[in-house]
Amino acid sequence: MHSIKLGTFPPDLDAWGTVADLGSTILEGEVKAFGKVHFGTPTSPVSAGYFACTKGKFNMTYPFSEQATVVEGECVLRNERTGEAVHYKVGDSWFIEKGTPIAWEILSERFTKHYFAVV
């Protein structure tokens, strides 16, 4: 069992390179990425875990549908199709459908979310 509680930090996260190594386009900053997958495999349609990154801006088109909750830091996500932008902070959650183009702006030095994703 793994508890996810506000004010607690995730277990040690693995270095994943930059968000560009994960298929995003970096617009500002280096945006280093970190994470830990709780379950799922490269061929599994479902995964859950932590994703963290450093301050910066990047664009990505979601390769999966995702429900996520912010556990550290702040960001602004903008739907590139609709122009809707939302500021998220600790405790806030979202759902993004597969194929949605999202512009990320990480406002804090480090940002961490816990996610559940389905391809």
C-alpha atoms as a PDB file:
ATOM      1  CA  MET A   1       0.000   0.000   0.000  1.00  0.00           C
ATOM      2  CA  HIS A   2       1.178   3.515  -0.747  1.00  0.00           C
ATOM      3  CA  SER A   3      -0.517   6.531   0.831  1.00  0.00           C
ATOM      4  CA  ILE A   4      -0.712   9.858  -0.957  1.00  0.00           C
ATOM      5  CA  LYS A   5      -1.176  12.650   1.591  1.00  0.00           C
ATOM      6  CA  LEU A   6      -0.855  16.403   1.279  1.00  0.00           C
ATOM      7  CA  GLY A   7       2.320  17.687   2.890  1.00  0.00           C
ATOM      8  CA  THR A   8       4.236  14.442   2.405  1.00  0.00           C
ATOM      9  CA  PHE A   9       6.766  13.931  -0.331  1.00  0.00           C
ATOM     10  CA  PRO A  10       6.946  10.991  -2.704  1.00  0.00           C
ATOM     11  CA  PRO A  11       9.627   8.322  -2.416  1.00  0.00           C
ATOM     12  CA  ASP A  12      12.947   8.913  -4.158  1.00  0.00           C
ATOM     13  CA  LEU A  13      12.250   9.517  -7.823  1.00  0.00           C
ATOM     14  CA  ASP A  14      14.384   8.252 -10.698  1.00  0.00           C
ATOM     15  CA  ALA A  15      16.058  10.716 -13.103  1.00  0.00           C
ATOM     16  CA  TRP A  16      14.375  10.471 -16.524  1.00  0.00           C
ATOM     17  CA  GLY A  17      16.440  13.059 -18.453  1.00  0.00           C
ATOM     18  CA  THR A  18      14.439  16.040 -19.677  1.00  0.00           C
ATOM     19  CA  VAL A  19      10.810  16.291 -20.743  1.00  0.00           C
ATOM     20  CA  ALA A  20      12.133  16.400 -24.338  1.00  0.00           C
ATOM     21  CA  ASP A  21      13.408  12.837 -23.784  1.00  0.00           C
ATOM     22  CA  LEU A  22       9.772  11.941 -23.028  1.00  0.00           C
ATOM     23  CA  GLY A  23       8.421  13.459 -26.256  1.00  0.00           C
ATOM     24  CA  SER A  24       7.725  17.064 -25.210  1.00  0.00           C
ATOM     25  CA  THR A  25       9.001  20.244 -26.822  1.00  0.00           C
ATOM     26  CA  ILE A  26      10.875  22.473 -24.357  1.00  0.00           C
ATOM     27  CA  LEU A  27      10.169  26.192 -24.782  1.00  0.00           C
ATOM     28  CA  GLU A  28      12.033  27.591 -21.766  1.00  0.00           C
ATOM     29  CA  GLY A  29      14.444  26.147 -19.203  1.00  0.00           C
ATOM     30  CA  GLU A  30      16.058  22.719 -19.085  1.00  0.00           C
ATOM     31  CA  VAL A  31      12.963  21.046 -17.522  1.00  0.00           C
ATOM     32  CA  LYS A  32      14.566  17.956 -16.024  1.00  0.00           C
ATOM     33  CA  ALA A  33      12.149  15.060 -15.460  1.00  0.00           C
ATOM     34  CA  PHE A  34      11.926  12.556 -12.599  1.00  0.00           C
ATOM     35  CA  GLY A  35       9.498   9.791 -11.794  1.00  0.00           C
ATOM     36  CA  LYS A  36       8.530   6.517 -10.235  1.00  0.00           C
ATOM     37  CA  VAL A  37       5.985   4.123 -11.719  1.00  0.00           C
ATOM     38  CA  HIS A  38       3.977   2.182  -9.118  1.00  0.00           C
ATOM     39  CA  PHE A  39       2.432  -0.273 -11.519  1.00  0.00           C
ATOM     40  CA  GLY A  40       2.249  -0.878 -15.213  1.00  0.00           C
ATOM     41  CA  THR A  41       4.713  -2.137 -17.790  1.00  0.00           C
ATOM     42  CA  PRO A  42       5.842  -0.739 -21.151  1.00  0.00           C
ATOM     43  CA  THR A  43       3.117  -2.834 -22.820  1.00  0.00           C
ATOM     44  CA  SER A  44       0.396  -2.287 -20.182  1.00  0.00           C
ATOM     45  CA  PRO A  45      -2.451   0.084 -21.106  1.00  0.00           C
ATOM     46  CA  VAL A  46      -2.596   1.364 -17.487  1.00  0.00           C
ATOM     47  CA  SER A  47       0.039   2.909 -15.220  1.00  0.00           C
ATOM     48  CA  ALA A  48       0.230   5.020 -12.084  1.00  0.00           C
ATOM     49  CA  GLY A  49       3.034   6.775 -10.290  1.00  0.00           C
ATOM     50  CA  TYR A  50       4.788  10.068  -9.709  1.00  0.00           C
ATOM     51  CA  PHE A  51       6.073  12.529 -12.285  1.00  0.00           C
ATOM     52  CA  ALA A  52       8.194  15.523 -11.301  1.00  0.00           C
ATOM     53  CA  CYS A  53      10.033  18.203 -13.232  1.00  0.00           C
ATOM     54  CA  THR A  54      11.976  21.406 -12.753  1.00  0.00           C
ATOM     55  CA  LYS A  55      10.866  24.947 -13.620  1.00  0.00           C
ATOM     56  CA  GLY A  56      10.264  25.848 -17.254  1.00  0.00           C
ATOM     57  CA  LYS A  57       7.814  25.725 -20.142  1.00  0.00           C
ATOM     58  CA  PHE A  58       7.058  22.892 -22.554  1.00  0.00           C
ATOM     59  CA  ASN A  59       4.396  21.598 -24.910  1.00  0.00           C
ATOM     60  CA  MET A  60       3.129  18.057 -25.217  1.00  0.00           C
ATOM     61  CA  THR A  61       0.275  16.214 -26.837  1.00  0.00           C
ATOM     62  CA  TYR A  62      -1.030  13.675 -24.345  1.00  0.00           C
ATOM     63  CA  PRO A  63      -0.293  10.087 -25.512  1.00  0.00           C
ATOM     64  CA  PHE A  64      -2.718   8.756 -22.853  1.00  0.00           C
ATOM     65  CA  SER A  65      -5.706   9.873 -20.781  1.00  0.00           C
ATOM     66  CA  GLU A  66      -4.630  11.007 -17.333  1.00  0.00           C
ATOM     67  CA  GLN A  67      -6.070  11.856 -13.943  1.00  0.00           C
ATOM     68  CA  ALA A  68      -3.470  13.641 -11.804  1.00  0.00           C
ATOM     69  CA  THR A  69      -3.177  15.431  -8.473  1.00  0.00           C
ATOM     70  CA  VAL A  70      -0.501  18.001  -7.622  1.00  0.00           C
ATOM     71  CA  VAL A  71       1.546  16.983  -4.577  1.00  0.00           C
ATOM     72  CA  GLU A  72       4.305  19.622  -4.794  1.00  0.00           C
ATOM     73  CA  GLY A  73       4.660  22.990  -6.524  1.00  0.00           C
ATOM     74  CA  GLU A  74       2.516  24.939  -8.972  1.00  0.00           C
ATOM     75  CA  CYS A  75       1.866  24.997 -12.697  1.00  0.00           C
ATOM     76  CA  VAL A  76      -0.383  26.492 -15.337  1.00  0.00           C
ATOM     77  CA  LEU A  77      -1.765  24.130 -17.967  1.00  0.00           C
ATOM     78  CA  ARG A  78      -3.234  25.562 -21.169  1.00  0.00           C
ATOM     79  CA  ASN A  79      -5.328  23.513 -23.581  1.00  0.00           C
ATOM     80  CA  GLU A  80      -3.881  24.534 -26.954  1.00  0.00           C
ATOM     81  CA  ARG A  81      -7.157  23.660 -28.732  1.00  0.00           C
ATOM     82  CA  THR A  82      -9.484  25.768 -26.594  1.00  0.00           C
ATOM     83  CA  GLY A  83      -7.091  28.301 -25.062  1.00  0.00           C
ATOM     84  CA  GLU A  84      -8.382  27.478 -21.558  1.00  0.00           C
ATOM     85  CA  ALA A  85      -5.638  27.947 -18.946  1.00  0.00           C
ATOM     86  CA  VAL A  86      -5.850  26.771 -15.321  1.00  0.00           C
ATOM     87  CA  HIS A  87      -3.459  27.442 -12.434  1.00  0.00           C
ATOM     88  CA  TYR A  88      -2.899  24.305 -10.308  1.00  0.00           C
ATOM     89  CA  LYS A  89      -1.342  24.047  -6.845  1.00  0.00           C
ATOM     90  CA  VAL A  90      -0.961  21.356  -4.160  1.00  0.00           C
ATOM     91  CA  GLY A  91      -4.162  19.338  -3.766  1.00  0.00           C
ATOM     92  CA  ASP A  92      -5.643  20.318  -7.143  1.00  0.00           C
ATOM     93  CA  SER A  93      -6.489  17.625  -9.700  1.00  0.00           C
ATOM     94  CA  TRP A  94      -7.243  17.386 -13.412  1.00  0.00           C
ATOM     95  CA  PHE A  95      -8.328  14.960 -16.094  1.00  0.00           C
ATOM     96  CA  ILE A  96      -6.852  15.283 -19.593  1.00  0.00           C
ATOM     97  CA  GLU A  97      -7.997  13.169 -22.531  1.00  0.00           C
ATOM     98  CA  LYS A  98      -5.577  11.370 -24.839  1.00  0.00           C
ATOM     99  CA  GLY A  99      -4.614  13.509 -27.843  1.00  0.00           C
ATOM    100  CA  THR A 100      -5.074  16.879 -26.106  1.00  0.00           C
ATOM    101  CA  PRO A 101      -2.266  19.373 -26.807  1.00  0.00           C
ATOM    102  CA  ILE A 102      -1.208  20.992 -23.513  1.00  0.00           C
ATOM    103  CA  ALA A 103       1.197  23.878 -22.874  1.00  0.00           C
ATOM    104  CA  TRP A 104       2.853  23.475 -19.461  1.00  0.00           C
ATOM    105  CA  GLU A 105       4.322  26.316 -17.411  1.00  0.00           C
ATOM    106  CA  ILE A 106       6.013  25.106 -14.234  1.00  0.00           C
ATOM    107  CA  LEU A 107       5.979  28.053 -11.821  1.00  0.00           C
ATOM    108  CA  SER A 108       7.865  26.496  -8.893  1.00  0.00           C
ATOM    109  CA  GLU A 109      11.458  25.283  -8.816  1.00  0.00           C
ATOM    110  CA  ARG A 110      10.092  21.725  -8.658  1.00  0.00           C
ATOM    111  CA  PHE A 111       6.673  20.319  -9.510  1.00  0.00           C
ATOM    112  CA  THR A 112       5.377  16.836  -8.635  1.00  0.00           C
ATOM    113  CA  LYS A 113       2.109  15.118  -9.498  1.00  0.00           C
ATOM    114  CA  HIS A 114       0.702  11.680  -8.773  1.00  0.00           C
ATOM    115  CA  TYR A 115      -1.035  10.282 -11.844  1.00  0.00           C
ATOM    116  CA  PHE A 116      -3.180   7.440 -13.154  1.00  0.00           C
ATOM    117  CA  ALA A 117      -2.913   6.991 -16.921  1.00  0.00           C
ATOM    118  CA  VAL A 118      -4.725   4.846 -19.487  1.00  0.00           C
ATOM    119  CA  VAL A 119      -3.497   4.546 -23.082  1.00  0.00           C
END
